[in-house]
Amino acid sequence: HLPISLVAAIEFVGTIGLALYGVRS
C-alpha cells in the first residue's frame, strides 16, 4: 500500500522508545 520509505520511517519510530530508555549518560 505504501512506499518503502514511509514504512521504514514508521518501523523506526517504535525503537526510539527502547533507545531513549537506555540513555544513562
mmCIF file of all heavy atoms, coordinates in Angstrom:
data_MODEL
# 
_entry.id   MODEL 
# 
loop_
_atom_site.group_PDB 
_atom_site.id 
_atom_site.type_symbol 
_atom_site.label_atom_id 
_atom_site.label_alt_id 
_atom_site.label_comp_id 
_atom_site.label_asym_id 
_atom_site.label_entity_id 
_atom_site.label_seq_id 
_atom_site.pdbx_PDB_ins_code 
_atom_site.Cartn_x 
_atom_site.Cartn_y 
_atom_site.Cartn_z 
_atom_site.occupancy 
_atom_site.B_iso_or_equiv 
_atom_site.pdbx_formal_charge 
_atom_site.auth_seq_id 
_atom_site.auth_comp_id 
_atom_site.auth_asym_id 
_atom_site.auth_atom_id 
_atom_site.pdbx_PDB_model_num 
ATOM 1   N N   . HIS A 1 1  ? 0.806  -1.221 0.000  1.00 0.00 ? 1  HIS A N   1 
ATOM 2   C CA  . HIS A 1 1  ? 0.000  0.000  0.000  1.00 0.00 ? 1  HIS A CA  1 
ATOM 3   C C   . HIS A 1 1  ? 0.840  1.274  0.000  1.00 0.00 ? 1  HIS A C   1 
ATOM 4   O O   . HIS A 1 1  ? 0.405  2.305  -0.535 1.00 0.00 ? 1  HIS A O   1 
ATOM 5   C CB  . HIS A 1 1  ? -0.904 0.030  1.238  1.00 0.00 ? 1  HIS A CB  1 
ATOM 6   C CG  . HIS A 1 1  ? -2.045 -0.938 1.199  1.00 0.00 ? 1  HIS A CG  1 
ATOM 7   N ND1 . HIS A 1 1  ? -3.299 -0.607 0.736  1.00 0.00 ? 1  HIS A ND1 1 
ATOM 8   C CD2 . HIS A 1 1  ? -2.125 -2.244 1.563  1.00 0.00 ? 1  HIS A CD2 1 
ATOM 9   C CE1 . HIS A 1 1  ? -4.107 -1.655 0.817  1.00 0.00 ? 1  HIS A CE1 1 
ATOM 10  N NE2 . HIS A 1 1  ? -3.413 -2.665 1.318  1.00 0.00 ? 1  HIS A NE2 1 
ATOM 11  N N   . LEU A 1 2  ? 2.012  1.225  0.633  1.00 0.00 ? 2  LEU A N   1 
ATOM 12  C CA  . LEU A 1 2  ? 2.789  2.434  0.897  1.00 0.00 ? 2  LEU A CA  1 
ATOM 13  C C   . LEU A 1 2  ? 4.204  2.322  0.339  1.00 0.00 ? 2  LEU A C   1 
ATOM 14  O O   . LEU A 1 2  ? 4.711  1.214  0.166  1.00 0.00 ? 2  LEU A O   1 
ATOM 15  C CB  . LEU A 1 2  ? 2.881  2.680  2.412  1.00 0.00 ? 2  LEU A CB  1 
ATOM 16  C CG  . LEU A 1 2  ? 1.579  2.763  3.202  1.00 0.00 ? 2  LEU A CG  1 
ATOM 17  C CD1 . LEU A 1 2  ? 1.875  2.833  4.692  1.00 0.00 ? 2  LEU A CD1 1 
ATOM 18  C CD2 . LEU A 1 2  ? 0.768  3.978  2.767  1.00 0.00 ? 2  LEU A CD2 1 
ATOM 19  N N   . PRO A 1 3  ? 4.855  3.458  0.078  1.00 0.00 ? 3  PRO A N   1 
ATOM 20  C CA  . PRO A 1 3  ? 6.258  3.420  -0.340 1.00 0.00 ? 3  PRO A CA  1 
ATOM 21  C C   . PRO A 1 3  ? 7.147  2.905  0.787  1.00 0.00 ? 3  PRO A C   1 
ATOM 22  O O   . PRO A 1 3  ? 6.848  3.092  1.971  1.00 0.00 ? 3  PRO A O   1 
ATOM 23  C CB  . PRO A 1 3  ? 6.579  4.885  -0.682 1.00 0.00 ? 3  PRO A CB  1 
ATOM 24  C CG  . PRO A 1 3  ? 5.543  5.677  0.036  1.00 0.00 ? 3  PRO A CG  1 
ATOM 25  C CD  . PRO A 1 3  ? 4.314  4.835  0.087  1.00 0.00 ? 3  PRO A CD  1 
ATOM 26  N N   . ILE A 1 4  ? 8.259  2.260  0.418  1.00 0.00 ? 4  ILE A N   1 
ATOM 27  C CA  . ILE A 1 4  ? 9.134  1.641  1.413  1.00 0.00 ? 4  ILE A CA  1 
ATOM 28  C C   . ILE A 1 4  ? 9.722  2.666  2.372  1.00 0.00 ? 4  ILE A C   1 
ATOM 29  O O   . ILE A 1 4  ? 9.980  2.367  3.538  1.00 0.00 ? 4  ILE A O   1 
ATOM 30  C CB  . ILE A 1 4  ? 10.249 0.827  0.715  1.00 0.00 ? 4  ILE A CB  1 
ATOM 31  C CG1 . ILE A 1 4  ? 10.953 -0.085 1.733  1.00 0.00 ? 4  ILE A CG1 1 
ATOM 32  C CG2 . ILE A 1 4  ? 11.230 1.749  -0.002 1.00 0.00 ? 4  ILE A CG2 1 
ATOM 33  C CD1 . ILE A 1 4  ? 11.899 -1.081 1.079  1.00 0.00 ? 4  ILE A CD1 1 
ATOM 34  N N   . SER A 1 5  ? 9.919  3.914  1.908  1.00 0.00 ? 5  SER A N   1 
ATOM 35  C CA  . SER A 1 5  ? 10.483 4.945  2.783  1.00 0.00 ? 5  SER A CA  1 
ATOM 36  C C   . SER A 1 5  ? 9.558  5.256  3.945  1.00 0.00 ? 5  SER A C   1 
ATOM 37  O O   . SER A 1 5  ? 10.002 5.447  5.080  1.00 0.00 ? 5  SER A O   1 
ATOM 38  C CB  . SER A 1 5  ? 10.758 6.225  1.977  1.00 0.00 ? 5  SER A CB  1 
ATOM 39  O OG  . SER A 1 5  ? 9.562  6.693  1.367  1.00 0.00 ? 5  SER A OG  1 
ATOM 40  N N   . LEU A 1 6  ? 8.260  5.291  3.681  1.00 0.00 ? 6  LEU A N   1 
ATOM 41  C CA  . LEU A 1 6  ? 7.300  5.580  4.746  1.00 0.00 ? 6  LEU A CA  1 
ATOM 42  C C   . LEU A 1 6  ? 7.185  4.406  5.711  1.00 0.00 ? 6  LEU A C   1 
ATOM 43  O O   . LEU A 1 6  ? 7.128  4.596  6.932  1.00 0.00 ? 6  LEU A O   1 
ATOM 44  C CB  . LEU A 1 6  ? 5.935  5.904  4.146  1.00 0.00 ? 6  LEU A CB  1 
ATOM 45  C CG  . LEU A 1 6  ? 4.808  6.240  5.136  1.00 0.00 ? 6  LEU A CG  1 
ATOM 46  C CD1 . LEU A 1 6  ? 5.233  7.344  6.089  1.00 0.00 ? 6  LEU A CD1 1 
ATOM 47  C CD2 . LEU A 1 6  ? 3.541  6.626  4.396  1.00 0.00 ? 6  LEU A CD2 1 
ATOM 48  N N   . VAL A 1 7  ? 7.161  3.191  5.191  1.00 0.00 ? 7  VAL A N   1 
ATOM 49  C CA  . VAL A 1 7  ? 7.104  2.007  6.051  1.00 0.00 ? 7  VAL A CA  1 
ATOM 50  C C   . VAL A 1 7  ? 8.343  1.944  6.939  1.00 0.00 ? 7  VAL A C   1 
ATOM 51  O O   . VAL A 1 7  ? 8.260  1.632  8.131  1.00 0.00 ? 7  VAL A O   1 
ATOM 52  C CB  . VAL A 1 7  ? 6.981  0.725  5.208  1.00 0.00 ? 7  VAL A CB  1 
ATOM 53  C CG1 . VAL A 1 7  ? 7.004  -0.508 6.106  1.00 0.00 ? 7  VAL A CG1 1 
ATOM 54  C CG2 . VAL A 1 7  ? 5.696  0.751  4.386  1.00 0.00 ? 7  VAL A CG2 1 
ATOM 55  N N   . ALA A 1 8  ? 9.512  2.280  6.368  1.00 0.00 ? 8  ALA A N   1 
ATOM 56  C CA  . ALA A 1 8  ? 10.750 2.294  7.145  1.00 0.00 ? 8  ALA A CA  1 
ATOM 57  C C   . ALA A 1 8  ? 10.704 3.349  8.243  1.00 0.00 ? 8  ALA A C   1 
ATOM 58  O O   . ALA A 1 8  ? 11.175 3.120  9.362  1.00 0.00 ? 8  ALA A O   1 
ATOM 59  C CB  . ALA A 1 8  ? 11.939 2.547  6.220  1.00 0.00 ? 8  ALA A CB  1 
ATOM 60  N N   . ALA A 1 9  ? 10.130 4.498  7.937  1.00 0.00 ? 9  ALA A N   1 
ATOM 61  C CA  . ALA A 1 9  ? 10.035 5.570  8.926  1.00 0.00 ? 9  ALA A CA  1 
ATOM 62  C C   . ALA A 1 9  ? 9.184  5.141  10.114 1.00 0.00 ? 9  ALA A C   1 
ATOM 63  O O   . ALA A 1 9  ? 9.559  5.332  11.278 1.00 0.00 ? 9  ALA A O   1 
ATOM 64  C CB  . ALA A 1 9  ? 9.454  6.823  8.282  1.00 0.00 ? 9  ALA A CB  1 
ATOM 65  N N   . ILE A 1 10 ? 8.033  4.541  9.822  1.00 0.00 ? 10 ILE A N   1 
ATOM 66  C CA  . ILE A 1 10 ? 7.141  4.112  10.891 1.00 0.00 ? 10 ILE A CA  1 
ATOM 67  C C   . ILE A 1 10 ? 7.765  2.969  11.688 1.00 0.00 ? 10 ILE A C   1 
ATOM 68  O O   . ILE A 1 10 ? 7.627  2.899  12.910 1.00 0.00 ? 10 ILE A O   1 
ATOM 69  C CB  . ILE A 1 10 ? 5.777  3.694  10.297 1.00 0.00 ? 10 ILE A CB  1 
ATOM 70  C CG1 . ILE A 1 10 ? 5.091  4.914  9.673  1.00 0.00 ? 10 ILE A CG1 1 
ATOM 71  C CG2 . ILE A 1 10 ? 4.879  3.073  11.366 1.00 0.00 ? 10 ILE A CG2 1 
ATOM 72  C CD1 . ILE A 1 10 ? 3.818  4.592  8.905  1.00 0.00 ? 10 ILE A CD1 1 
ATOM 73  N N   . GLU A 1 11 ? 8.483  2.089  10.999 1.00 0.00 ? 11 GLU A N   1 
ATOM 74  C CA  . GLU A 1 11 ? 9.141  0.971  11.673 1.00 0.00 ? 11 GLU A CA  1 
ATOM 75  C C   . GLU A 1 11 ? 10.182 1.474  12.667 1.00 0.00 ? 11 GLU A C   1 
ATOM 76  O O   . GLU A 1 11 ? 10.365 0.902  13.740 1.00 0.00 ? 11 GLU A O   1 
ATOM 77  C CB  . GLU A 1 11 ? 9.803  0.073  10.624 1.00 0.00 ? 11 GLU A CB  1 
ATOM 78  C CG  . GLU A 1 11 ? 10.381 -1.216 11.178 1.00 0.00 ? 11 GLU A CG  1 
ATOM 79  C CD  . GLU A 1 11 ? 10.909 -2.121 10.089 1.00 0.00 ? 11 GLU A CD  1 
ATOM 80  O OE1 . GLU A 1 11 ? 11.793 -1.682 9.330  1.00 0.00 ? 11 GLU A OE1 1 
ATOM 81  O OE2 . GLU A 1 11 ? 10.426 -3.264 9.977  1.00 0.00 ? 11 GLU A OE2 1 
ATOM 82  N N   . PHE A 1 12 ? 10.856 2.568  12.318 1.00 0.00 ? 12 PHE A N   1 
ATOM 83  C CA  . PHE A 1 12 ? 11.916 3.100  13.168 1.00 0.00 ? 12 PHE A CA  1 
ATOM 84  C C   . PHE A 1 12 ? 11.360 3.794  14.411 1.00 0.00 ? 12 PHE A C   1 
ATOM 85  O O   . PHE A 1 12 ? 11.991 3.795  15.472 1.00 0.00 ? 12 PHE A O   1 
ATOM 86  C CB  . PHE A 1 12 ? 12.771 4.080  12.365 1.00 0.00 ? 12 PHE A CB  1 
ATOM 87  C CG  . PHE A 1 12 ? 13.771 4.841  13.181 1.00 0.00 ? 12 PHE A CG  1 
ATOM 88  C CD1 . PHE A 1 12 ? 14.867 4.202  13.738 1.00 0.00 ? 12 PHE A CD1 1 
ATOM 89  C CD2 . PHE A 1 12 ? 13.619 6.197  13.405 1.00 0.00 ? 12 PHE A CD2 1 
ATOM 90  C CE1 . PHE A 1 12 ? 15.788 4.903  14.506 1.00 0.00 ? 12 PHE A CE1 1 
ATOM 91  C CE2 . PHE A 1 12 ? 14.534 6.910  14.156 1.00 0.00 ? 12 PHE A CE2 1 
ATOM 92  C CZ  . PHE A 1 12 ? 15.628 6.259  14.709 1.00 0.00 ? 12 PHE A CZ  1 
ATOM 93  N N   . VAL A 1 13 ? 10.155 4.374  14.308 1.00 0.00 ? 13 VAL A N   1 
ATOM 94  C CA  . VAL A 1 13 ? 9.599  5.165  15.413 1.00 0.00 ? 13 VAL A CA  1 
ATOM 95  C C   . VAL A 1 13 ? 9.523  4.371  16.711 1.00 0.00 ? 13 VAL A C   1 
ATOM 96  O O   . VAL A 1 13 ? 9.887  4.857  17.787 1.00 0.00 ? 13 VAL A O   1 
ATOM 97  C CB  . VAL A 1 13 ? 8.203  5.707  15.027 1.00 0.00 ? 13 VAL A CB  1 
ATOM 98  C CG1 . VAL A 1 13 ? 7.493  6.279  16.244 1.00 0.00 ? 13 VAL A CG1 1 
ATOM 99  C CG2 . VAL A 1 13 ? 8.335  6.787  13.954 1.00 0.00 ? 13 VAL A CG2 1 
ATOM 100 N N   . GLY A 1 14 ? 9.057  3.128  16.640 1.00 0.00 ? 14 GLY A N   1 
ATOM 101 C CA  . GLY A 1 14 ? 8.879  2.341  17.854 1.00 0.00 ? 14 GLY A CA  1 
ATOM 102 C C   . GLY A 1 14 ? 10.170 2.077  18.603 1.00 0.00 ? 14 GLY A C   1 
ATOM 103 O O   . GLY A 1 14 ? 10.180 1.979  19.837 1.00 0.00 ? 14 GLY A O   1 
ATOM 104 N N   . THR A 1 15 ? 11.272 1.963  17.866 1.00 0.00 ? 15 THR A N   1 
ATOM 105 C CA  . THR A 1 15 ? 12.553 1.661  18.514 1.00 0.00 ? 15 THR A CA  1 
ATOM 106 C C   . THR A 1 15 ? 13.146 2.869  19.246 1.00 0.00 ? 15 THR A C   1 
ATOM 107 O O   . THR A 1 15 ? 14.063 2.699  20.058 1.00 0.00 ? 15 THR A O   1 
ATOM 108 C CB  . THR A 1 15 ? 13.572 1.159  17.485 1.00 0.00 ? 15 THR A CB  1 
ATOM 109 O OG1 . THR A 1 15 ? 13.834 2.190  16.527 1.00 0.00 ? 15 THR A OG1 1 
ATOM 110 C CG2 . THR A 1 15 ? 13.044 -0.067 16.766 1.00 0.00 ? 15 THR A CG2 1 
ATOM 111 N N   . ILE A 1 16 ? 12.633 4.063  18.952 1.00 0.00 ? 16 ILE A N   1 
ATOM 112 C CA  . ILE A 1 16 ? 13.139 5.252  19.644 1.00 0.00 ? 16 ILE A CA  1 
ATOM 113 C C   . ILE A 1 16 ? 12.929 5.119  21.146 1.00 0.00 ? 16 ILE A C   1 
ATOM 114 O O   . ILE A 1 16 ? 13.782 5.494  21.954 1.00 0.00 ? 16 ILE A O   1 
ATOM 115 C CB  . ILE A 1 16 ? 12.453 6.533  19.111 1.00 0.00 ? 16 ILE A CB  1 
ATOM 116 C CG1 . ILE A 1 16 ? 12.850 6.770  17.648 1.00 0.00 ? 16 ILE A CG1 1 
ATOM 117 C CG2 . ILE A 1 16 ? 12.823 7.742  19.953 1.00 0.00 ? 16 ILE A CG2 1 
ATOM 118 C CD1 . ILE A 1 16 ? 12.150 7.952  17.016 1.00 0.00 ? 16 ILE A CD1 1 
ATOM 119 N N   . GLY A 1 17 ? 11.764 4.560  21.519 1.00 0.00 ? 17 GLY A N   1 
ATOM 120 C CA  . GLY A 1 17 ? 11.471 4.390  22.945 1.00 0.00 ? 17 GLY A CA  1 
ATOM 121 C C   . GLY A 1 17 ? 12.475 3.475  23.625 1.00 0.00 ? 17 GLY A C   1 
ATOM 122 O O   . GLY A 1 17 ? 12.911 3.743  24.745 1.00 0.00 ? 17 GLY A O   1 
ATOM 123 N N   . LEU A 1 18 ? 12.869 2.381  22.947 1.00 0.00 ? 18 LEU A N   1 
ATOM 124 C CA  . LEU A 1 18 ? 13.864 1.476  23.511 1.00 0.00 ? 18 LEU A CA  1 
ATOM 125 C C   . LEU A 1 18 ? 15.206 2.175  23.694 1.00 0.00 ? 18 LEU A C   1 
ATOM 126 O O   . LEU A 1 18 ? 15.884 2.001  24.706 1.00 0.00 ? 18 LEU A O   1 
ATOM 127 C CB  . LEU A 1 18 ? 14.046 0.256  22.605 1.00 0.00 ? 18 LEU A CB  1 
ATOM 128 C CG  . LEU A 1 18 ? 12.897 -0.751 22.547 1.00 0.00 ? 18 LEU A CG  1 
ATOM 129 C CD1 . LEU A 1 18 ? 13.216 -1.849 21.539 1.00 0.00 ? 18 LEU A CD1 1 
ATOM 130 C CD2 . LEU A 1 18 ? 12.628 -1.354 23.923 1.00 0.00 ? 18 LEU A CD2 1 
ATOM 131 N N   . ALA A 1 19 ? 15.589 2.975  22.711 1.00 0.00 ? 19 ALA A N   1 
ATOM 132 C CA  . ALA A 1 19 ? 16.864 3.686  22.803 1.00 0.00 ? 19 ALA A CA  1 
ATOM 133 C C   . ALA A 1 19 ? 16.810 4.749  23.899 1.00 0.00 ? 19 ALA A C   1 
ATOM 134 O O   . ALA A 1 19 ? 17.756 4.923  24.669 1.00 0.00 ? 19 ALA A O   1 
ATOM 135 C CB  . ALA A 1 19 ? 17.206 4.327  21.464 1.00 0.00 ? 19 ALA A CB  1 
ATOM 136 N N   . LEU A 1 20 ? 15.694 5.466  24.000 1.00 0.00 ? 20 LEU A N   1 
ATOM 137 C CA  . LEU A 1 20 ? 15.563 6.521  25.000 1.00 0.00 ? 20 LEU A CA  1 
ATOM 138 C C   . LEU A 1 20 ? 15.616 5.938  26.409 1.00 0.00 ? 20 LEU A C   1 
ATOM 139 O O   . LEU A 1 20 ? 16.207 6.533  27.322 1.00 0.00 ? 20 LEU A O   1 
ATOM 140 C CB  . LEU A 1 20 ? 14.242 7.274  24.794 1.00 0.00 ? 20 LEU A CB  1 
ATOM 141 C CG  . LEU A 1 20 ? 13.985 8.467  25.715 1.00 0.00 ? 20 LEU A CG  1 
ATOM 142 C CD1 . LEU A 1 20 ? 15.079 9.511  25.535 1.00 0.00 ? 20 LEU A CD1 1 
ATOM 143 C CD2 . LEU A 1 20 ? 12.626 9.078  25.423 1.00 0.00 ? 20 LEU A CD2 1 
ATOM 144 N N   . TYR A 1 21 ? 15.019 4.761  26.570 1.00 0.00 ? 21 TYR A N   1 
ATOM 145 C CA  . TYR A 1 21 ? 15.028 4.109  27.885 1.00 0.00 ? 21 TYR A CA  1 
ATOM 146 C C   . TYR A 1 21 ? 16.453 3.820  28.354 1.00 0.00 ? 21 TYR A C   1 
ATOM 147 O O   . TYR A 1 21 ? 16.741 3.827  29.547 1.00 0.00 ? 21 TYR A O   1 
ATOM 148 C CB  . TYR A 1 21 ? 14.227 2.805  27.809 1.00 0.00 ? 21 TYR A CB  1 
ATOM 149 C CG  . TYR A 1 21 ? 14.217 2.022  29.103 1.00 0.00 ? 21 TYR A CG  1 
ATOM 150 C CD1 . TYR A 1 21 ? 13.388 2.407  30.153 1.00 0.00 ? 21 TYR A CD1 1 
ATOM 151 C CD2 . TYR A 1 21 ? 15.027 0.904  29.266 1.00 0.00 ? 21 TYR A CD2 1 
ATOM 152 C CE1 . TYR A 1 21 ? 13.377 1.697  31.348 1.00 0.00 ? 21 TYR A CE1 1 
ATOM 153 C CE2 . TYR A 1 21 ? 15.023 0.187  30.449 1.00 0.00 ? 21 TYR A CE2 1 
ATOM 154 C CZ  . TYR A 1 21 ? 14.189 0.590  31.486 1.00 0.00 ? 21 TYR A CZ  1 
ATOM 155 O OH  . TYR A 1 21 ? 14.188 -0.122 32.664 1.00 0.00 ? 21 TYR A OH  1 
ATOM 156 N N   . GLY A 1 22 ? 17.342 3.580  27.397 1.00 0.00 ? 22 GLY A N   1 
ATOM 157 C CA  . GLY A 1 22 ? 18.705 3.228  27.765 1.00 0.00 ? 22 GLY A CA  1 
ATOM 158 C C   . GLY A 1 22 ? 19.662 4.404  27.856 1.00 0.00 ? 22 GLY A C   1 
ATOM 159 O O   . GLY A 1 22 ? 20.859 4.194  28.060 1.00 0.00 ? 22 GLY A O   1 
ATOM 160 N N   . VAL A 1 23 ? 19.182 5.633  27.701 1.00 0.00 ? 23 VAL A N   1 
ATOM 161 C CA  . VAL A 1 23 ? 20.069 6.794  27.799 1.00 0.00 ? 23 VAL A CA  1 
ATOM 162 C C   . VAL A 1 23 ? 20.411 7.030  29.270 1.00 0.00 ? 23 VAL A C   1 
ATOM 163 O O   . VAL A 1 23 ? 19.566 7.426  30.057 1.00 0.00 ? 23 VAL A O   1 
ATOM 164 C CB  . VAL A 1 23 ? 19.400 8.059  27.195 1.00 0.00 ? 23 VAL A CB  1 
ATOM 165 C CG1 . VAL A 1 23 ? 20.271 9.282  27.441 1.00 0.00 ? 23 VAL A CG1 1 
ATOM 166 C CG2 . VAL A 1 23 ? 19.191 7.867  25.709 1.00 0.00 ? 23 VAL A CG2 1 
ATOM 167 N N   . ARG A 1 24 ? 21.656 6.772  29.647 1.00 0.00 ? 24 ARG A N   1 
ATOM 168 C CA  . ARG A 1 24 ? 22.064 6.859  31.047 1.00 0.00 ? 24 ARG A CA  1 
ATOM 169 C C   . ARG A 1 24 ? 23.122 7.933  31.291 1.00 0.00 ? 24 ARG A C   1 
ATOM 170 O O   . ARG A 1 24 ? 23.443 8.216  32.427 1.00 0.00 ? 24 ARG A O   1 
ATOM 171 C CB  . ARG A 1 24 ? 22.628 5.511  31.502 1.00 0.00 ? 24 ARG A CB  1 
ATOM 172 C CG  . ARG A 1 24 ? 21.698 4.335  31.302 1.00 0.00 ? 24 ARG A CG  1 
ATOM 173 C CD  . ARG A 1 24 ? 20.498 4.393  32.208 1.00 0.00 ? 24 ARG A CD  1 
ATOM 174 N NE  . ARG A 1 24 ? 19.696 3.173  32.101 1.00 0.00 ? 24 ARG A NE  1 
ATOM 175 C CZ  . ARG A 1 24 ? 18.539 3.005  32.716 1.00 0.00 ? 24 ARG A CZ  1 
ATOM 176 N NH1 . ARG A 1 24 ? 18.040 3.964  33.471 1.00 0.00 ? 24 ARG A NH1 1 
ATOM 177 N NH2 . ARG A 1 24 ? 17.875 1.879  32.586 1.00 0.00 ? 24 ARG A NH2 1 
ATOM 178 N N   . SER A 1 25 ? 23.692 8.498  30.241 1.00 0.00 ? 25 SER A N   1 
ATOM 179 C CA  . SER A 1 25 ? 24.762 9.461  30.421 1.00 0.00 ? 25 SER A CA  1 
ATOM 180 C C   . SER A 1 25 ? 24.569 10.633 29.474 1.00 0.00 ? 25 SER A C   1 
ATOM 181 O O   . SER A 1 25 ? 23.808 10.553 28.500 1.00 0.00 ? 25 SER A O   1 
ATOM 182 C CB  . SER A 1 25 ? 26.119 8.795  30.140 1.00 0.00 ? 25 SER A CB  1 
ATOM 183 O OG  . SER A 1 25 ? 26.213 8.433  28.775 1.00 0.00 ? 25 SER A OG  1 
# 
